[in-house]
Amino acid sequence: MIIAIPIEKEQFDSTISTTFARSNYFAIVDKSNGKVQITENLFKDIQKGAGIKLFHWLIEKQNIDALLAFEMGYKMQQMATEASLQIIIINEHSKTLNQLLEYMNINPKTAFSS
């Protein structure tokens, strides 16, 4: 399973972004091998259609199976449902990426790939 997680900074101790399509970065977590890649959100500053473009990029280029977020717009939820993606909503945006990885039984010290 490959999970997209919106994060505030390009750091492993970054907190989860409170916005999904406009987040600064995404952590792409591959649960099958325990690896994580942090990538910049190239669509965050687009005036119109950022969510749609981001969604297609996550599906086509990152091969995601799930979205994890603190908050997600209705259109993003609808597209994810139509694409049969798992949606994981957490109730605490102060969680860090490292804390989420530990919760997923992924060792943060060995998870990050360049």
N, C-alpha and C. Protein backbone atom coordinates (compact mmCIF):
# COMPACT_ATOMS: atom_id res chain seq x y z
N MET A 1 0.85 -1.18 0.00
CA MET A 1 0.00 0.00 0.00
C MET A 1 0.89 1.24 0.00
N ILE A 2 0.56 2.19 -0.86
CA ILE A 2 1.29 3.46 -0.93
C ILE A 2 0.35 4.57 -0.49
N ILE A 3 0.80 5.34 0.51
CA ILE A 3 -0.04 6.35 1.14
C ILE A 3 0.55 7.74 0.92
N ALA A 4 -0.29 8.70 0.51
CA ALA A 4 0.13 10.09 0.38
C ALA A 4 -0.30 10.85 1.63
N ILE A 5 0.67 11.53 2.25
CA ILE A 5 0.41 12.29 3.48
C ILE A 5 0.86 13.74 3.26
N PRO A 6 -0.05 14.72 3.37
CA PRO A 6 0.35 16.12 3.21
C PRO A 6 1.09 16.60 4.46
N ILE A 7 2.26 17.23 4.23
CA ILE A 7 3.05 17.72 5.37
C ILE A 7 3.46 19.17 5.13
N GLU A 8 3.74 19.87 6.22
CA GLU A 8 4.05 21.30 6.17
C GLU A 8 5.45 21.60 5.62
N LYS A 9 6.45 20.83 6.08
CA LYS A 9 7.84 21.12 5.73
C LYS A 9 8.51 19.89 5.14
N GLU A 10 9.61 20.10 4.48
CA GLU A 10 10.38 19.01 3.89
C GLU A 10 11.31 18.41 4.94
N GLN A 11 10.68 18.01 6.06
CA GLN A 11 11.43 17.45 7.17
C GLN A 11 10.67 16.27 7.73
N PHE A 12 11.40 15.36 8.30
CA PHE A 12 10.79 14.14 8.80
C PHE A 12 10.00 14.36 10.09
N ASP A 13 10.31 15.46 10.79
CA ASP A 13 9.53 15.77 11.98
C ASP A 13 8.44 16.80 11.70
N SER A 14 8.14 17.00 10.43
CA SER A 14 7.09 17.94 10.03
C SER A 14 5.72 17.49 10.52
N THR A 15 4.88 18.46 10.83
CA THR A 15 3.50 18.14 11.19
C THR A 15 2.67 17.95 9.92
N ILE A 16 1.54 17.30 10.11
CA ILE A 16 0.60 17.09 9.02
C ILE A 16 0.01 18.44 8.62
N SER A 17 -0.12 18.65 7.33
CA SER A 17 -0.71 19.90 6.83
C SER A 17 -2.20 19.91 7.11
N THR A 18 -2.72 21.09 7.44
CA THR A 18 -4.17 21.21 7.68
C THR A 18 -4.93 21.36 6.37
N THR A 19 -4.23 21.52 5.27
CA THR A 19 -4.86 21.55 3.95
C THR A 19 -4.28 20.41 3.13
N PHE A 20 -5.08 19.82 2.28
CA PHE A 20 -4.57 18.70 1.50
C PHE A 20 -4.00 19.18 0.18
N ALA A 21 -4.84 19.69 -0.70
CA ALA A 21 -4.38 20.07 -2.05
C ALA A 21 -3.41 21.24 -2.03
N ARG A 22 -3.43 22.05 -1.00
CA ARG A 22 -2.55 23.22 -0.91
C ARG A 22 -1.37 23.00 0.05
N SER A 23 -1.15 21.77 0.46
CA SER A 23 -0.02 21.51 1.35
C SER A 23 1.29 21.76 0.61
N ASN A 24 2.33 22.07 1.36
CA ASN A 24 3.62 22.36 0.74
C ASN A 24 4.32 21.12 0.19
N TYR A 25 4.20 20.02 0.93
CA TYR A 25 4.89 18.78 0.57
C TYR A 25 4.00 17.57 0.80
N PHE A 26 4.41 16.46 0.23
CA PHE A 26 3.76 15.18 0.50
C PHE A 26 4.81 14.15 0.84
N ALA A 27 4.50 13.35 1.84
CA ALA A 27 5.30 12.17 2.14
C ALA A 27 4.60 11.01 1.44
N ILE A 28 5.32 10.31 0.62
CA ILE A 28 4.80 9.14 -0.08
C ILE A 28 5.37 7.92 0.64
N VAL A 29 4.50 7.22 1.35
CA VAL A 29 4.90 6.12 2.22
C VAL A 29 4.54 4.80 1.55
N ASP A 30 5.54 3.97 1.32
CA ASP A 30 5.33 2.65 0.74
C ASP A 30 5.39 1.63 1.88
N LYS A 31 4.23 1.17 2.31
CA LYS A 31 4.19 0.24 3.45
C LYS A 31 4.79 -1.12 3.11
N SER A 32 4.85 -1.48 1.83
CA SER A 32 5.37 -2.80 1.47
C SER A 32 6.87 -2.92 1.74
N ASN A 33 7.61 -1.80 1.59
CA ASN A 33 9.05 -1.87 1.84
C ASN A 33 9.51 -0.92 2.95
N GLY A 34 8.57 -0.18 3.56
CA GLY A 34 8.90 0.70 4.66
C GLY A 34 9.66 1.95 4.28
N LYS A 35 9.61 2.34 3.01
CA LYS A 35 10.36 3.51 2.54
C LYS A 35 9.44 4.73 2.40
N VAL A 36 10.03 5.91 2.57
CA VAL A 36 9.30 7.17 2.48
C VAL A 36 10.08 8.12 1.60
N GLN A 37 9.35 8.80 0.73
CA GLN A 37 9.93 9.84 -0.11
C GLN A 37 9.14 11.12 0.12
N ILE A 38 9.85 12.23 0.34
CA ILE A 38 9.18 13.51 0.50
C ILE A 38 9.31 14.27 -0.82
N THR A 39 8.18 14.78 -1.30
CA THR A 39 8.16 15.49 -2.57
C THR A 39 7.38 16.79 -2.45
N GLU A 40 7.81 17.80 -3.18
CA GLU A 40 7.13 19.09 -3.15
C GLU A 40 5.80 19.00 -3.89
N ASN A 41 4.81 19.71 -3.39
CA ASN A 41 3.52 19.81 -4.06
C ASN A 41 3.63 20.86 -5.16
N LEU A 42 3.76 20.44 -6.39
CA LEU A 42 3.95 21.34 -7.52
C LEU A 42 2.68 22.11 -7.88
N PHE A 43 1.56 21.75 -7.30
CA PHE A 43 0.27 22.33 -7.67
C PHE A 43 -0.30 23.27 -6.61
N LYS A 44 0.41 23.47 -5.53
CA LYS A 44 -0.13 24.23 -4.39
C LYS A 44 -0.47 25.68 -4.71
N ASP A 45 0.22 26.27 -5.67
CA ASP A 45 0.01 27.69 -5.98
C ASP A 45 -0.86 27.93 -7.21
N ILE A 46 -1.36 26.88 -7.81
CA ILE A 46 -2.24 27.02 -8.97
C ILE A 46 -3.56 27.62 -8.51
N GLN A 47 -4.03 28.62 -9.22
CA GLN A 47 -5.25 29.32 -8.82
C GLN A 47 -6.49 28.44 -8.90
N LYS A 48 -6.62 27.66 -9.96
CA LYS A 48 -7.83 26.87 -10.17
C LYS A 48 -7.47 25.44 -10.56
N GLY A 49 -8.14 24.48 -9.97
CA GLY A 49 -7.95 23.08 -10.33
C GLY A 49 -6.75 22.40 -9.69
N ALA A 50 -6.21 23.00 -8.62
CA ALA A 50 -5.03 22.41 -7.96
C ALA A 50 -5.31 21.00 -7.46
N GLY A 51 -6.47 20.80 -6.84
CA GLY A 51 -6.81 19.50 -6.28
C GLY A 51 -6.91 18.42 -7.33
N ILE A 52 -7.53 18.73 -8.45
CA ILE A 52 -7.69 17.76 -9.54
C ILE A 52 -6.33 17.38 -10.11
N LYS A 53 -5.50 18.39 -10.38
CA LYS A 53 -4.17 18.12 -10.93
C LYS A 53 -3.32 17.32 -9.95
N LEU A 54 -3.38 17.70 -8.68
CA LEU A 54 -2.64 16.97 -7.65
C LEU A 54 -3.10 15.52 -7.58
N PHE A 55 -4.41 15.32 -7.58
CA PHE A 55 -4.96 13.98 -7.48
C PHE A 55 -4.45 13.09 -8.62
N HIS A 56 -4.52 13.60 -9.85
CA HIS A 56 -4.06 12.81 -11.00
C HIS A 56 -2.56 12.53 -10.92
N TRP A 57 -1.79 13.49 -10.43
CA TRP A 57 -0.36 13.29 -10.27
C TRP A 57 -0.08 12.21 -9.22
N LEU A 58 -0.81 12.25 -8.12
CA LEU A 58 -0.62 11.23 -7.08
C LEU A 58 -0.96 9.83 -7.60
N ILE A 59 -2.01 9.73 -8.39
CA ILE A 59 -2.41 8.43 -8.94
C ILE A 59 -1.44 7.95 -10.01
N GLU A 60 -1.15 8.82 -10.98
CA GLU A 60 -0.36 8.41 -12.14
C GLU A 60 1.14 8.31 -11.89
N LYS A 61 1.69 9.22 -11.12
CA LYS A 61 3.14 9.25 -10.91
C LYS A 61 3.59 8.59 -9.61
N GLN A 62 2.74 8.61 -8.61
CA GLN A 62 3.13 8.05 -7.31
C GLN A 62 2.45 6.72 -7.01
N ASN A 63 1.49 6.33 -7.83
CA ASN A 63 0.79 5.04 -7.70
C ASN A 63 0.19 4.81 -6.31
N ILE A 64 -0.41 5.85 -5.75
CA ILE A 64 -0.93 5.74 -4.39
C ILE A 64 -2.18 4.85 -4.33
N ASP A 65 -2.37 4.27 -3.14
CA ASP A 65 -3.56 3.46 -2.84
C ASP A 65 -4.42 4.11 -1.78
N ALA A 66 -3.82 5.10 -1.05
CA ALA A 66 -4.53 5.70 0.08
C ALA A 66 -4.10 7.14 0.28
N LEU A 67 -5.02 7.92 0.86
CA LEU A 67 -4.76 9.31 1.24
C LEU A 67 -4.95 9.42 2.74
N LEU A 68 -3.99 10.04 3.41
CA LEU A 68 -4.11 10.28 4.85
C LEU A 68 -4.08 11.78 5.05
N ALA A 69 -5.05 12.33 5.79
CA ALA A 69 -5.12 13.77 5.98
C ALA A 69 -5.83 14.14 7.26
N PHE A 70 -5.62 15.39 7.66
CA PHE A 70 -6.37 15.96 8.77
C PHE A 70 -7.70 16.48 8.24
N GLU A 71 -7.66 17.07 7.06
CA GLU A 71 -8.86 17.61 6.44
C GLU A 71 -8.73 17.46 4.93
N MET A 72 -9.84 17.17 4.28
CA MET A 72 -9.83 16.96 2.84
C MET A 72 -11.15 17.46 2.27
N GLY A 73 -11.06 18.19 1.17
CA GLY A 73 -12.26 18.73 0.54
C GLY A 73 -13.15 17.65 -0.04
N TYR A 74 -14.41 18.03 -0.23
CA TYR A 74 -15.40 17.09 -0.76
C TYR A 74 -15.00 16.54 -2.13
N LYS A 75 -14.53 17.40 -3.03
CA LYS A 75 -14.16 16.96 -4.38
C LYS A 75 -13.04 15.92 -4.32
N MET A 76 -12.05 16.16 -3.46
CA MET A 76 -10.94 15.20 -3.32
C MET A 76 -11.46 13.87 -2.78
N GLN A 77 -12.35 13.93 -1.79
CA GLN A 77 -12.94 12.71 -1.25
C GLN A 77 -13.73 11.96 -2.32
N GLN A 78 -14.47 12.71 -3.11
CA GLN A 78 -15.27 12.10 -4.17
C GLN A 78 -14.38 11.42 -5.21
N MET A 79 -13.31 12.08 -5.64
CA MET A 79 -12.39 11.49 -6.62
C MET A 79 -11.72 10.24 -6.05
N ALA A 80 -11.33 10.30 -4.77
CA ALA A 80 -10.69 9.15 -4.14
C ALA A 80 -11.64 7.97 -4.05
N THR A 81 -12.88 8.23 -3.72
CA THR A 81 -13.88 7.17 -3.64
C THR A 81 -14.10 6.54 -5.01
N GLU A 82 -14.22 7.37 -6.03
CA GLU A 82 -14.41 6.87 -7.40
C GLU A 82 -13.23 6.05 -7.88
N ALA A 83 -12.03 6.38 -7.40
CA ALA A 83 -10.82 5.64 -7.79
C ALA A 83 -10.54 4.47 -6.86
N SER A 84 -11.45 4.19 -5.92
CA SER A 84 -11.32 3.10 -4.96
C SER A 84 -10.08 3.23 -4.07
N LEU A 85 -9.74 4.47 -3.71
CA LEU A 85 -8.64 4.70 -2.79
C LEU A 85 -9.16 4.69 -1.36
N GLN A 86 -8.32 4.27 -0.46
CA GLN A 86 -8.67 4.34 0.95
C GLN A 86 -8.43 5.76 1.43
N ILE A 87 -9.35 6.30 2.22
CA ILE A 87 -9.22 7.63 2.81
C ILE A 87 -9.07 7.47 4.31
N ILE A 88 -7.99 8.03 4.85
CA ILE A 88 -7.72 7.95 6.28
C ILE A 88 -7.70 9.38 6.81
N ILE A 89 -8.66 9.70 7.67
CA ILE A 89 -8.73 11.03 8.28
C ILE A 89 -8.29 10.91 9.73
N ILE A 90 -7.30 11.72 10.10
CA ILE A 90 -6.85 11.73 11.49
C ILE A 90 -7.43 12.95 12.19
N ASN A 91 -7.58 12.87 13.48
CA ASN A 91 -8.24 13.96 14.20
C ASN A 91 -7.27 14.89 14.93
N GLU A 92 -5.99 14.76 14.66
CA GLU A 92 -5.01 15.60 15.35
C GLU A 92 -3.92 16.02 14.37
N HIS A 93 -3.96 17.28 13.92
CA HIS A 93 -2.99 17.73 12.93
C HIS A 93 -1.60 18.01 13.51
N SER A 94 -1.47 17.98 14.82
CA SER A 94 -0.15 18.22 15.42
C SER A 94 0.74 16.98 15.39
N LYS A 95 0.23 15.87 14.90
CA LYS A 95 1.04 14.67 14.76
C LYS A 95 2.14 14.93 13.73
N THR A 96 3.31 14.36 14.00
CA THR A 96 4.40 14.50 13.04
C THR A 96 4.45 13.29 12.11
N LEU A 97 5.15 13.46 11.02
CA LEU A 97 5.32 12.35 10.09
C LEU A 97 5.99 11.17 10.80
N ASN A 98 7.01 11.44 11.59
CA ASN A 98 7.69 10.37 12.32
C ASN A 98 6.72 9.60 13.23
N GLN A 99 5.84 10.32 13.92
CA GLN A 99 4.87 9.66 14.80
C GLN A 99 3.92 8.78 14.00
N LEU A 100 3.49 9.26 12.85
CA LEU A 100 2.60 8.44 12.01
C LEU A 100 3.31 7.19 11.50
N LEU A 101 4.58 7.33 11.14
CA LEU A 101 5.34 6.17 10.67
C LEU A 101 5.47 5.12 11.77
N GLU A 102 5.76 5.58 12.97
CA GLU A 102 5.85 4.64 14.09
C GLU A 102 4.51 3.94 14.32
N TYR A 103 3.43 4.68 14.18
CA TYR A 103 2.09 4.10 14.33
C TYR A 103 1.84 3.03 13.26
N MET A 104 2.45 3.21 12.06
CA MET A 104 2.31 2.24 10.97
C MET A 104 3.35 1.14 11.05
N ASN A 105 4.10 1.09 12.14
CA ASN A 105 5.17 0.10 12.34
C ASN A 105 6.27 0.23 11.30
N ILE A 106 6.57 1.48 10.94
CA ILE A 106 7.69 1.77 10.03
C ILE A 106 8.74 2.51 10.84
N ASN A 107 9.96 2.06 10.79
CA ASN A 107 11.05 2.68 11.53
C ASN A 107 11.47 3.97 10.84
N PRO A 108 11.23 5.13 11.45
CA PRO A 108 11.59 6.39 10.81
C PRO A 108 13.09 6.53 10.51
N LYS A 109 13.92 5.86 11.28
CA LYS A 109 15.37 5.96 11.08
C LYS A 109 15.84 5.30 9.78
N THR A 110 15.09 4.33 9.30
CA THR A 110 15.49 3.63 8.07
C THR A 110 14.53 3.84 6.92
N ALA A 111 13.50 4.65 7.13
CA ALA A 111 12.42 4.76 6.14
C ALA A 111 12.72 5.72 5.00
N PHE A 112 13.57 6.67 5.19
CA PHE A 112 13.67 7.75 4.20
C PHE A 112 14.67 7.43 3.11
N SER A 113 14.17 7.57 1.89
CA SER A 113 15.01 7.39 0.71
C SER A 113 15.26 8.74 0.08
N SER A 114 16.32 8.88 -0.61
CA SER A 114 16.63 10.16 -1.24
C SER A 114 16.13 10.22 -2.66
